[in-house]
Amino acid sequence: MQLFRGGGLKINHYGLIVVHPLARIGEWCDIHQGVNIGQNIEKGSVPVIGDNVWIGPGVKMFGKITLGANMMIGAGAIVNKSFEEGNCTIAGNPAIRVSDHGNVWFRE
């Protein structure tokens, strides 16, 4: 199995980052320190993250959730439900959609 799909993964400010081995992370994602991408109580219930997703410092996400492409996740957000449509910004505890503008920092 492959955890990271494609290229362009960026790890900012090296520090503790926990990613469950069954989780899937798309191309051109940007992960900051203190992030936890983990399993819920149910075995194999792990996040699937689309392409070009910016994950801010301290974000925690867990369970069988799907995050669409071109998203931004605000620092400290707790993500426990899917945002499959992508192209938005989510933040808070629990995370909610706070903007219809997603990750606009595209690769060149």
PDB file of N, CA and C in Angstrom:
ATOM      1  N   MET A   1       0.837  -1.180   0.000  1.00  0.00           N
ATOM      2  CA  MET A   1       0.000   0.000   0.000  1.00  0.00           C
ATOM      3  C   MET A   1       0.878   1.238   0.000  1.00  0.00           C
ATOM      4  N   GLN A   2       0.333   2.302  -0.545  1.00  0.00           N
ATOM      5  CA  GLN A   2       1.099   3.531  -0.642  1.00  0.00           C
ATOM      6  C   GLN A   2       0.388   4.633   0.127  1.00  0.00           C
ATOM      7  N   LEU A   3       1.067   5.187   1.121  1.00  0.00           N
ATOM      8  CA  LEU A   3       0.506   6.232   1.961  1.00  0.00           C
ATOM      9  C   LEU A   3       0.357   7.539   1.200  1.00  0.00           C
ATOM     10  N   PHE A   4       1.425   7.965   0.529  1.00  0.00           N
ATOM     11  CA  PHE A   4       1.412   9.231  -0.199  1.00  0.00           C
ATOM     12  C   PHE A   4       1.312   8.938  -1.686  1.00  0.00           C
ATOM     13  N   ARG A   5       0.322   9.511  -2.339  1.00  0.00           N
ATOM     14  CA  ARG A   5       0.083   9.271  -3.754  1.00  0.00           C
ATOM     15  C   ARG A   5       0.696  10.407  -4.563  1.00  0.00           C
ATOM     16  N   GLY A   6       1.525  10.083  -5.528  1.00  0.00           N
ATOM     17  CA  GLY A   6       2.114  11.098  -6.390  1.00  0.00           C
ATOM     18  C   GLY A   6       3.225  11.861  -5.696  1.00  0.00           C
ATOM     19  N   GLY A   7       3.514  13.043  -6.189  1.00  0.00           N
ATOM     20  CA  GLY A   7       4.633  13.826  -5.661  1.00  0.00           C
ATOM     21  C   GLY A   7       4.186  15.123  -5.026  1.00  0.00           C
ATOM     22  N   GLY A   8       5.175  15.891  -4.632  1.00  0.00           N
ATOM     23  CA  GLY A   8       4.925  17.234  -4.154  1.00  0.00           C
ATOM     24  C   GLY A   8       4.590  17.379  -2.688  1.00  0.00           C
ATOM     25  N   LEU A   9       4.704  16.322  -1.893  1.00  0.00           N
ATOM     26  CA  LEU A   9       4.410  16.449  -0.463  1.00  0.00           C
ATOM     27  C   LEU A   9       5.388  17.422   0.171  1.00  0.00           C
ATOM     28  N   LYS A  10       4.869  18.338   0.990  1.00  0.00           N
ATOM     29  CA  LYS A  10       5.713  19.305   1.682  1.00  0.00           C
ATOM     30  C   LYS A  10       5.466  19.185   3.180  1.00  0.00           C
ATOM     31  N   ILE A  11       6.544  18.980   3.938  1.00  0.00           N
ATOM     32  CA  ILE A  11       6.472  18.936   5.397  1.00  0.00           C
ATOM     33  C   ILE A  11       7.096  20.230   5.907  1.00  0.00           C
ATOM     34  N   ASN A  12       6.305  21.047   6.566  1.00  0.00           N
ATOM     35  CA  ASN A  12       6.790  22.325   7.095  1.00  0.00           C
ATOM     36  C   ASN A  12       7.200  22.181   8.547  1.00  0.00           C
ATOM     37  N   HIS A  13       8.241  22.875   8.942  1.00  0.00           N
ATOM     38  CA  HIS A  13       8.641  22.955  10.350  1.00  0.00           C
ATOM     39  C   HIS A  13       8.669  21.571  10.983  1.00  0.00           C
ATOM     40  N   TYR A  14       9.632  20.779  10.607  1.00  0.00           N
ATOM     41  CA  TYR A  14       9.733  19.399  11.085  1.00  0.00           C
ATOM     42  C   TYR A  14       9.425  19.303  12.570  1.00  0.00           C
ATOM     43  N   GLY A  15       8.605  18.365  12.908  1.00  0.00           N
ATOM     44  CA  GLY A  15       8.203  18.121  14.282  1.00  0.00           C
ATOM     45  C   GLY A  15       7.336  16.879  14.295  1.00  0.00           C
ATOM     46  N   LEU A  16       6.669  16.645  15.379  1.00  0.00           N
ATOM     47  CA  LEU A  16       5.860  15.446  15.512  1.00  0.00           C
ATOM     48  C   LEU A  16       4.689  15.471  14.534  1.00  0.00           C
ATOM     49  N   ILE A  17       4.686  14.537  13.619  1.00  0.00           N
ATOM     50  CA  ILE A  17       3.577  14.341  12.688  1.00  0.00           C
ATOM     51  C   ILE A  17       3.261  12.851  12.712  1.00  0.00           C
ATOM     52  N   VAL A  18       2.000  12.515  13.008  1.00  0.00           N
ATOM     53  CA  VAL A  18       1.587  11.115  13.089  1.00  0.00           C
ATOM     54  C   VAL A  18       0.601  10.846  11.958  1.00  0.00           C
ATOM     55  N   VAL A  19       0.917   9.843  11.131  1.00  0.00           N
ATOM     56  CA  VAL A  19       0.034   9.460  10.030  1.00  0.00           C
ATOM     57  C   VAL A  19      -0.171   7.950  10.088  1.00  0.00           C
ATOM     58  N   HIS A  20      -1.426   7.519  10.198  1.00  0.00           N
ATOM     59  CA  HIS A  20      -1.737   6.091  10.218  1.00  0.00           C
ATOM     60  C   HIS A  20      -1.288   5.469   8.899  1.00  0.00           C
ATOM     61  N   PRO A  21      -0.702   4.276   8.936  1.00  0.00           N
ATOM     62  CA  PRO A  21      -0.177   3.669   7.709  1.00  0.00           C
ATOM     63  C   PRO A  21      -1.230   3.332   6.654  1.00  0.00           C
ATOM     64  N   LEU A  22      -2.501   3.287   7.022  1.00  0.00           N
ATOM     65  CA  LEU A  22      -3.549   3.011   6.038  1.00  0.00           C
ATOM     66  C   LEU A  22      -4.177   4.279   5.461  1.00  0.00           C
ATOM     67  N   ALA A  23      -3.862   5.434   6.044  1.00  0.00           N
ATOM     68  CA  ALA A  23      -4.392   6.699   5.528  1.00  0.00           C
ATOM     69  C   ALA A  23      -3.842   6.948   4.129  1.00  0.00           C
ATOM     70  N   ARG A  24      -4.534   7.765   3.349  1.00  0.00           N
ATOM     71  CA  ARG A  24      -4.095   8.108   1.996  1.00  0.00           C
ATOM     72  C   ARG A  24      -4.034   9.623   1.861  1.00  0.00           C
ATOM     73  N   ILE A  25      -2.922  10.114   1.323  1.00  0.00           N
ATOM     74  CA  ILE A  25      -2.706  11.550   1.166  1.00  0.00           C
ATOM     75  C   ILE A  25      -2.371  11.821  -0.291  1.00  0.00           C
ATOM     76  N   GLY A  26      -3.099  12.769  -0.906  1.00  0.00           N
ATOM     77  CA  GLY A  26      -2.945  13.069  -2.323  1.00  0.00           C
ATOM     78  C   GLY A  26      -1.684  13.846  -2.657  1.00  0.00           C
ATOM     79  N   GLU A  27      -1.588  14.243  -3.916  1.00  0.00           N
ATOM     80  CA  GLU A  27      -0.432  14.982  -4.416  1.00  0.00           C
ATOM     81  C   GLU A  27      -0.444  16.427  -3.927  1.00  0.00           C
ATOM     82  N   TRP A  28       0.739  16.993  -3.815  1.00  0.00           N
ATOM     83  CA  TRP A  28       0.949  18.410  -3.527  1.00  0.00           C
ATOM     84  C   TRP A  28       0.282  18.872  -2.234  1.00  0.00           C
ATOM     85  N   CYS A  29       0.273  18.018  -1.226  1.00  0.00           N
ATOM     86  CA  CYS A  29      -0.252  18.403   0.084  1.00  0.00           C
ATOM     87  C   CYS A  29       0.854  19.030   0.919  1.00  0.00           C
ATOM     88  N   ASP A  30       0.458  19.843   1.867  1.00  0.00           N
ATOM     89  CA  ASP A  30       1.362  20.628   2.698  1.00  0.00           C
ATOM     90  C   ASP A  30       0.971  20.362   4.153  1.00  0.00           C
ATOM     91  N   ILE A  31       1.845  19.696   4.921  1.00  0.00           N
ATOM     92  CA  ILE A  31       1.523  19.293   6.292  1.00  0.00           C
ATOM     93  C   ILE A  31       2.450  20.005   7.271  1.00  0.00           C
ATOM     94  N   HIS A  32       1.868  20.648   8.280  1.00  0.00           N
ATOM     95  CA  HIS A  32       2.637  21.356   9.303  1.00  0.00           C
ATOM     96  C   HIS A  32       2.826  20.491  10.546  1.00  0.00           C
ATOM     97  N   GLN A  33       3.572  21.004  11.512  1.00  0.00           N
ATOM     98  CA  GLN A  33       3.917  20.245  12.713  1.00  0.00           C
ATOM     99  C   GLN A  33       2.691  19.981  13.588  1.00  0.00           C
ATOM    100  N   GLY A  34       2.796  18.915  14.373  1.00  0.00           N
ATOM    101  CA  GLY A  34       1.760  18.581  15.347  1.00  0.00           C
ATOM    102  C   GLY A  34       0.501  17.979  14.751  1.00  0.00           C
ATOM    103  N   VAL A  35       0.551  17.540  13.512  1.00  0.00           N
ATOM    104  CA  VAL A  35      -0.627  16.985  12.840  1.00  0.00           C
ATOM    105  C   VAL A  35      -0.763  15.497  13.168  1.00  0.00           C
ATOM    106  N   ASN A  36      -2.009  15.061  13.385  1.00  0.00           N
ATOM    107  CA  ASN A  36      -2.309  13.652  13.636  1.00  0.00           C
ATOM    108  C   ASN A  36      -3.396  13.219  12.663  1.00  0.00           C
ATOM    109  N   ILE A  37      -3.068  12.259  11.808  1.00  0.00           N
ATOM    110  CA  ILE A  37      -4.019  11.701  10.845  1.00  0.00           C
ATOM    111  C   ILE A  37      -4.196  10.245  11.245  1.00  0.00           C
ATOM    112  N   GLY A  38      -5.290   9.946  11.954  1.00  0.00           N
ATOM    113  CA  GLY A  38      -5.377   8.641  12.596  1.00  0.00           C
ATOM    114  C   GLY A  38      -6.662   7.882  12.382  1.00  0.00           C
ATOM    115  N   GLN A  39      -6.654   6.686  12.926  1.00  0.00           N
ATOM    116  CA  GLN A  39      -7.768   5.746  12.850  1.00  0.00           C
ATOM    117  C   GLN A  39      -8.777   6.043  13.946  1.00  0.00           C
ATOM    118  N   ASN A  40     -10.024   5.761  13.661  1.00  0.00           N
ATOM    119  CA  ASN A  40     -11.065   5.821  14.665  1.00  0.00           C
ATOM    120  C   ASN A  40     -11.098   4.469  15.372  1.00  0.00           C
ATOM    121  N   ILE A  41     -12.083   4.232  16.212  1.00  0.00           N
ATOM    122  CA  ILE A  41     -12.188   2.978  16.948  1.00  0.00           C
ATOM    123  C   ILE A  41     -12.310   1.790  16.001  1.00  0.00           C
ATOM    124  N   GLU A  42     -13.037   1.974  14.896  1.00  0.00           N
ATOM    125  CA  GLU A  42     -13.227   0.892  13.933  1.00  0.00           C
ATOM    126  C   GLU A  42     -11.939   0.651  13.153  1.00  0.00           C
ATOM    127  N   LYS A  43     -11.508  -0.585  13.102  1.00  0.00           N
ATOM    128  CA  LYS A  43     -10.277  -0.928  12.391  1.00  0.00           C
ATOM    129  C   LYS A  43     -10.368  -0.522  10.915  1.00  0.00           C
ATOM    130  N   GLY A  44      -9.338   0.150  10.437  1.00  0.00           N
ATOM    131  CA  GLY A  44      -9.278   0.555   9.036  1.00  0.00           C
ATOM    132  C   GLY A  44     -10.050   1.810   8.698  1.00  0.00           C
ATOM    133  N   SER A  45     -10.624   2.468   9.698  1.00  0.00           N
ATOM    134  CA  SER A  45     -11.392   3.688   9.434  1.00  0.00           C
ATOM    135  C   SER A  45     -10.451   4.892   9.510  1.00  0.00           C
ATOM    136  N   VAL A  46      -9.812   5.191   8.380  1.00  0.00           N
ATOM    137  CA  VAL A  46      -8.790   6.238   8.331  1.00  0.00           C
ATOM    138  C   VAL A  46      -9.135   7.281   7.270  1.00  0.00           C
ATOM    139  N   PRO A  47      -8.578   8.486   7.392  1.00  0.00           N
ATOM    140  CA  PRO A  47      -8.843   9.548   6.426  1.00  0.00           C
ATOM    141  C   PRO A  47      -8.246   9.289   5.041  1.00  0.00           C
ATOM    142  N   VAL A  48      -8.939   9.824   4.037  1.00  0.00           N
ATOM    143  CA  VAL A  48      -8.444   9.898   2.666  1.00  0.00           C
ATOM    144  C   VAL A  48      -8.438  11.380   2.310  1.00  0.00           C
ATOM    145  N   ILE A  49      -7.269  11.888   1.957  1.00  0.00           N
ATOM    146  CA  ILE A  49      -7.088  13.319   1.721  1.00  0.00           C
ATOM    147  C   ILE A  49      -6.794  13.546   0.244  1.00  0.00           C
ATOM    148  N   GLY A  50      -7.525  14.477  -0.366  1.00  0.00           N
ATOM    149  CA  GLY A  50      -7.358  14.774  -1.786  1.00  0.00           C
ATOM    150  C   GLY A  50      -6.076  15.528  -2.093  1.00  0.00           C
ATOM    151  N   ASP A  51      -5.924  15.929  -3.343  1.00  0.00           N
ATOM    152  CA  ASP A  51      -4.740  16.654  -3.802  1.00  0.00           C
ATOM    153  C   ASP A  51      -4.772  18.117  -3.359  1.00  0.00           C
ATOM    154  N   ASN A  52      -3.575  18.691  -3.185  1.00  0.00           N
ATOM    155  CA  ASN A  52      -3.410  20.116  -2.912  1.00  0.00           C
ATOM    156  C   ASN A  52      -4.173  20.563  -1.660  1.00  0.00           C
ATOM    157  N   VAL A  53      -3.972  19.859  -0.559  1.00  0.00           N
ATOM    158  CA  VAL A  53      -4.612  20.206   0.713  1.00  0.00           C
ATOM    159  C   VAL A  53      -3.557  20.747   1.666  1.00  0.00           C
ATOM    160  N   TRP A  54      -3.821  21.934   2.220  1.00  0.00           N
ATOM    161  CA  TRP A  54      -2.939  22.581   3.188  1.00  0.00           C
ATOM    162  C   TRP A  54      -3.465  22.231   4.574  1.00  0.00           C
ATOM    163  N   ILE A  55      -2.629  21.568   5.392  1.00  0.00           N
ATOM    164  CA  ILE A  55      -3.032  21.117   6.727  1.00  0.00           C
ATOM    165  C   ILE A  55      -2.228  21.906   7.746  1.00  0.00           C
ATOM    166  N   GLY A  56      -2.898  22.795   8.472  1.00  0.00           N
ATOM    167  CA  GLY A  56      -2.233  23.696   9.406  1.00  0.00           C
ATOM    168  C   GLY A  56      -1.689  23.003  10.643  1.00  0.00           C
ATOM    169  N   PRO A  57      -0.885  23.722  11.428  1.00  0.00           N
ATOM    170  CA  PRO A  57      -0.281  23.166  12.639  1.00  0.00           C
ATOM    171  C   PRO A  57      -1.336  22.658  13.623  1.00  0.00           C
ATOM    172  N   GLY A  58      -1.068  21.511  14.219  1.00  0.00           N
ATOM    173  CA  GLY A  58      -1.912  20.986  15.286  1.00  0.00           C
ATOM    174  C   GLY A  58      -3.232  20.383  14.858  1.00  0.00           C
ATOM    175  N   VAL A  59      -3.449  20.211  13.571  1.00  0.00           N
ATOM    176  CA  VAL A  59      -4.707  19.627  13.095  1.00  0.00           C
ATOM    177  C   VAL A  59      -4.782  18.154  13.494  1.00  0.00           C
ATOM    178  N   LYS A  60      -5.947  17.737  13.951  1.00  0.00           N
ATOM    179  CA  LYS A  60      -6.216  16.333  14.280  1.00  0.00           C
ATOM    180  C   LYS A  60      -7.374  15.876  13.405  1.00  0.00           C
ATOM    181  N   MET A  61      -7.180  14.786  12.679  1.00  0.00           N
ATOM    182  CA  MET A  61      -8.274  14.216  11.888  1.00  0.00           C
ATOM    183  C   MET A  61      -8.262  12.711  12.068  1.00  0.00           C
ATOM    184  N   PHE A  62      -9.446  12.150  12.154  1.00  0.00           N
ATOM    185  CA  PHE A  62      -9.522  10.723  12.441  1.00  0.00           C
ATOM    186  C   PHE A  62     -10.821  10.152  11.917  1.00  0.00           C
ATOM    187  N   GLY A  63     -10.811   8.854  11.695  1.00  0.00           N
ATOM    188  CA  GLY A  63     -12.006   8.152  11.254  1.00  0.00           C
ATOM    189  C   GLY A  63     -12.089   8.051   9.744  1.00  0.00           C
ATOM    190  N   LYS A  64     -13.152   7.416   9.301  1.00  0.00           N
ATOM    191  CA  LYS A  64     -13.364   7.193   7.871  1.00  0.00           C
ATOM    192  C   LYS A  64     -13.967   8.452   7.258  1.00  0.00           C
ATOM    193  N   ILE A  65     -13.082   9.403   6.946  1.00  0.00           N
ATOM    194  CA  ILE A  65     -13.508  10.670   6.360  1.00  0.00           C
ATOM    195  C   ILE A  65     -12.786  10.865   5.033  1.00  0.00           C
ATOM    196  N   THR A  66     -13.396  11.675   4.175  1.00  0.00           N
ATOM    197  CA  THR A  66     -12.798  12.023   2.892  1.00  0.00           C
ATOM    198  C   THR A  66     -12.742  13.534   2.787  1.00  0.00           C
ATOM    199  N   LEU A  67     -11.564  14.042   2.456  1.00  0.00           N
ATOM    200  CA  LEU A  67     -11.388  15.475   2.246  1.00  0.00           C
ATOM    201  C   LEU A  67     -11.078  15.688   0.777  1.00  0.00           C
ATOM    202  N   GLY A  68     -11.853  16.557   0.124  1.00  0.00           N
ATOM    203  CA  GLY A  68     -11.663  16.813  -1.297  1.00  0.00           C
ATOM    204  C   GLY A  68     -10.407  17.607  -1.593  1.00  0.00           C
ATOM    205  N   ALA A  69     -10.183  17.878  -2.857  1.00  0.00           N
ATOM    206  CA  ALA A  69      -8.985  18.588  -3.306  1.00  0.00           C
ATOM    207  C   ALA A  69      -9.093  20.091  -3.044  1.00  0.00           C
ATOM    208  N   ASN A  70      -7.925  20.740  -3.020  1.00  0.00           N
ATOM    209  CA  ASN A  70      -7.807  22.200  -2.922  1.00  0.00           C
ATOM    210  C   ASN A  70      -8.453  22.770  -1.660  1.00  0.00           C
ATOM    211  N   MET A  71      -8.153  22.161  -0.524  1.00  0.00           N
ATOM    212  CA  MET A  71      -8.702  22.621   0.749  1.00  0.00           C
ATOM    213  C   MET A  71      -7.616  23.230   1.617  1.00  0.00           C
ATOM    214  N   MET A  72      -8.053  24.052   2.569  1.00  0.00           N
ATOM    215  CA  MET A  72      -7.189  24.528   3.640  1.00  0.00           C
ATOM    216  C   MET A  72      -7.847  24.125   4.949  1.00  0.00           C
ATOM    217  N   ILE A  73      -7.028  23.627   5.892  1.00  0.00           N
ATOM    218  CA  ILE A  73      -7.533  23.228   7.201  1.00  0.00           C
ATOM    219  C   ILE A  73      -6.819  24.089   8.232  1.00  0.00           C
ATOM    220  N   GLY A  74      -7.573  24.907   8.950  1.00  0.00           N
ATOM    221  CA  GLY A  74      -7.012  25.862   9.894  1.00  0.00           C
ATOM    222  C   GLY A  74      -6.302  25.208  11.062  1.00  0.00           C
ATOM    223  N   ALA A  75      -5.336  25.922  11.602  1.00  0.00           N
ATOM    224  CA  ALA A  75      -4.533  25.435  12.725  1.00  0.00           C
ATOM    225  C   ALA A  75      -5.423  24.980  13.874  1.00  0.00           C
ATOM    226  N   GLY A  76      -5.099  23.820  14.434  1.00  0.00           N
ATOM    227  CA  GLY A  76      -5.799  23.297  15.596  1.00  0.00           C
ATOM    228  C   GLY A  76      -7.162  22.694  15.321  1.00  0.00           C
ATOM    229  N   ALA A  77      -7.560  22.598  14.075  1.00  0.00           N
ATOM    230  CA  ALA A  77      -8.883  22.047  13.752  1.00  0.00           C
ATOM    231  C   ALA A  77      -8.966  20.569  14.129  1.00  0.00           C
ATOM    232  N   ILE A  78     -10.157  20.156  14.545  1.00  0.00           N
ATOM    233  CA  ILE A  78     -10.456  18.753  14.819  1.00  0.00           C
ATOM    234  C   ILE A  78     -11.439  18.316  13.734  1.00  0.00           C
ATOM    235  N   VAL A  79     -10.970  17.465  12.829  1.00  0.00           N
ATOM    236  CA  VAL A  79     -11.771  17.064  11.669  1.00  0.00           C
ATOM    237  C   VAL A  79     -12.274  15.641  11.891  1.00  0.00           C
ATOM    238  N   ASN A  80     -13.596  15.509  12.065  1.00  0.00           N
ATOM    239  CA  ASN A  80     -14.180  14.191  12.314  1.00  0.00           C
ATOM    240  C   ASN A  80     -15.337  13.873  11.376  1.00  0.00           C
ATOM    241  N   LYS A  81     -15.458  14.654  10.293  1.00  0.00           N
ATOM    242  CA  LYS A  81     -16.466  14.365   9.273  1.00  0.00           C
ATOM    243  C   LYS A  81     -15.904  14.747   7.908  1.00  0.00           C
ATOM    244  N   SER A  82     -16.504  14.212   6.864  1.00  0.00           N
ATOM    245  CA  SER A  82     -16.025  14.425   5.499  1.00  0.00           C
ATOM    246  C   SER A  82     -16.401  15.798   4.960  1.00  0.00           C
ATOM    247  N   PHE A  83     -15.535  16.309   4.092  1.00  0.00           N
ATOM    248  CA  PHE A  83     -15.779  17.506   3.293  1.00  0.00           C
ATOM    249  C   PHE A  83     -15.376  17.127   1.870  1.00  0.00           C
ATOM    250  N   GLU A  84     -16.175  16.280   1.264  1.00  0.00           N
ATOM    251  CA  GLU A  84     -15.820  15.667  -0.012  1.00  0.00           C
ATOM    252  C   GLU A  84     -15.761  16.651  -1.167  1.00  0.00           C
ATOM    253  N   GLU A  85     -16.528  17.734  -1.088  1.00  0.00           N
ATOM    254  CA  GLU A  85     -16.587  18.679  -2.203  1.00  0.00           C
ATOM    255  C   GLU A  85     -15.286  19.448  -2.403  1.00  0.00           C
ATOM    256  N   GLY A  86     -14.475  19.586  -1.357  1.00  0.00           N
ATOM    257  CA  GLY A  86     -13.205  20.300  -1.471  1.00  0.00           C
ATOM    258  C   GLY A  86     -13.404  21.776  -1.769  1.00  0.00           C
ATOM    259  N   ASN A  87     -12.341  22.422  -2.278  1.00  0.00           N
ATOM    260  CA  ASN A  87     -12.373  23.839  -2.655  1.00  0.00           C
ATOM    261  C   ASN A  87     -12.968  24.725  -1.568  1.00  0.00           C
ATOM    262  N   CYS A  88     -12.534  24.521  -0.323  1.00  0.00           N
ATOM    263  CA  CYS A  88     -13.042  25.313   0.787  1.00  0.00           C
ATOM    264  C   CYS A  88     -11.993  25.358   1.895  1.00  0.00           C
ATOM    265  N   THR A  89     -12.272  26.191   2.888  1.00  0.00           N
ATOM    266  CA  THR A  89     -11.448  26.248   4.090  1.00  0.00           C
ATOM    267  C   THR A  89     -12.307  25.786   5.255  1.00  0.00           C
ATOM    268  N   ILE A  90     -11.744  24.907   6.086  1.00  0.00           N
ATOM    269  CA  ILE A  90     -12.441  24.451   7.284  1.00  0.00           C
ATOM    270  C   ILE A  90     -11.583  24.781   8.499  1.00  0.00           C
ATOM    271  N   ALA A  91     -12.238  24.960   9.641  1.00  0.00           N
ATOM    272  CA  ALA A  91     -11.523  25.282  10.876  1.00  0.00           C
ATOM    273  C   ALA A  91     -12.434  24.996  12.053  1.00  0.00           C
ATOM    274  N   GLY A  92     -11.848  24.946  13.252  1.00  0.00           N
ATOM    275  CA  GLY A  92     -12.617  24.819  14.482  1.00  0.00           C
ATOM    276  C   GLY A  92     -12.647  23.421  15.058  1.00  0.00           C
ATOM    277  N   ASN A  93     -13.362  23.324  16.203  1.00  0.00           N
ATOM    278  CA  ASN A  93     -13.505  22.072  16.930  1.00  0.00           C
ATOM    279  C   ASN A  93     -14.971  21.901  17.324  1.00  0.00           C
ATOM    280  N   PRO A  94     -15.699  21.052  16.588  1.00  0.00           N
ATOM    281  CA  PRO A  94     -15.304  20.295  15.403  1.00  0.00           C
ATOM    282  C   PRO A  94     -15.196  21.213  14.188  1.00  0.00           C
ATOM    283  N   ALA A  95     -14.462  20.763  13.187  1.00  0.00           N
ATOM    284  CA  ALA A  95     -14.236  21.574  11.994  1.00  0.00           C
ATOM    285  C   ALA A  95     -15.542  21.826  11.247  1.00  0.00           C
ATOM    286  N   ILE A  96     -15.704  23.072  10.801  1.00  0.00           N
ATOM    287  CA  ILE A  96     -16.833  23.463   9.959  1.00  0.00           C
ATOM    288  C   ILE A  96     -16.285  24.256   8.780  1.00  0.00           C
ATOM    289  N   ARG A  97     -17.088  24.363   7.753  1.00  0.00           N
ATOM    290  CA  ARG A  97     -16.705  25.147   6.569  1.00  0.00           C
ATOM    291  C   ARG A  97     -16.775  26.626   6.941  1.00  0.00           C
ATOM    292  N   VAL A  98     -15.665  27.335   6.768  1.00  0.00           N
ATOM    293  CA  VAL A  98     -15.634  28.756   7.119  1.00  0.00           C
ATOM    294  C   VAL A  98     -15.445  29.649   5.903  1.00  0.00           C
ATOM    295  N   SER A  99     -15.108  29.067   4.758  1.00  0.00           N
ATOM    296  CA  SER A  99     -14.899  29.856   3.548  1.00  0.00           C
ATOM    297  C   SER A  99     -15.071  28.968   2.322  1.00  0.00           C
ATOM    298  N   ASP A 100     -15.543  29.582   1.254  1.00  0.00           N
ATOM    299  CA  ASP A 100     -15.643  28.870  -0.015  1.00  0.00           C
ATOM    300  C   ASP A 100     -14.365  28.982  -0.829  1.00  0.00           C
ATOM    301  N   HIS A 101     -13.332  29.545  -0.236  1.00  0.00           N
ATOM    302  CA  HIS A 101     -12.030  29.648  -0.897  1.00  0.00           C
ATOM    303  C   HIS A 101     -11.136  28.556  -0.345  1.00  0.00           C
ATOM    304  N   GLY A 102     -10.642  27.723  -1.212  1.00  0.00           N
ATOM    305  CA  GLY A 102      -9.759  26.639  -0.800  1.00  0.00           C
ATOM    306  C   GLY A 102      -8.306  27.042  -0.901  1.00  0.00           C
ATOM    307  N   ASN A 103      -7.454  26.070  -1.077  1.00  0.00           N
ATOM    308  CA  ASN A 103      -6.017  26.301  -1.172  1.00  0.00           C
ATOM    309  C   ASN A 103      -5.697  26.929  -2.519  1.00  0.00           C
ATOM    310  N   VAL A 104      -5.339  28.199  -2.495  1.00  0.00           N
ATOM    311  CA  VAL A 104      -5.032  28.917  -3.734  1.00  0.00           C
ATOM    312  C   VAL A 104      -3.535  28.969  -4.007  1.00  0.00           C
ATOM    313  N   TRP A 105      -2.739  28.324  -3.161  1.00  0.00           N
ATOM    314  CA  TRP A 105      -1.288  28.291  -3.358  1.00  0.00           C
ATOM    315  C   TRP A 105      -0.942  27.112  -4.244  1.00  0.00           C
ATOM    316  N   PHE A 106      -1.169  27.269  -5.509  1.00  0.00           N
ATOM    317  CA  PHE A 106      -0.915  26.181  -6.450  1.00  0.00           C
ATOM    318  C   PHE A 106       0.565  26.069  -6.759  1.00  0.00           C
ATOM    319  N   ARG A 107       0.977  24.878  -7.106  1.00  0.00           N
ATOM    320  CA  ARG A 107       2.369  24.663  -7.497  1.00  0.00           C
ATOM    321  C   ARG A 107       2.613  25.303  -8.855  1.00  0.00           C
ATOM    322  N   GLU A 108       3.861  25.628  -9.122  1.00  0.00           N
ATOM    323  CA  GLU A 108       4.201  26.238 -10.414  1.00  0.00           C
ATOM    324  C   GLU A 108       4.750  25.203 -11.351  1.00  0.00           C
TER     325      GLU A 108
END
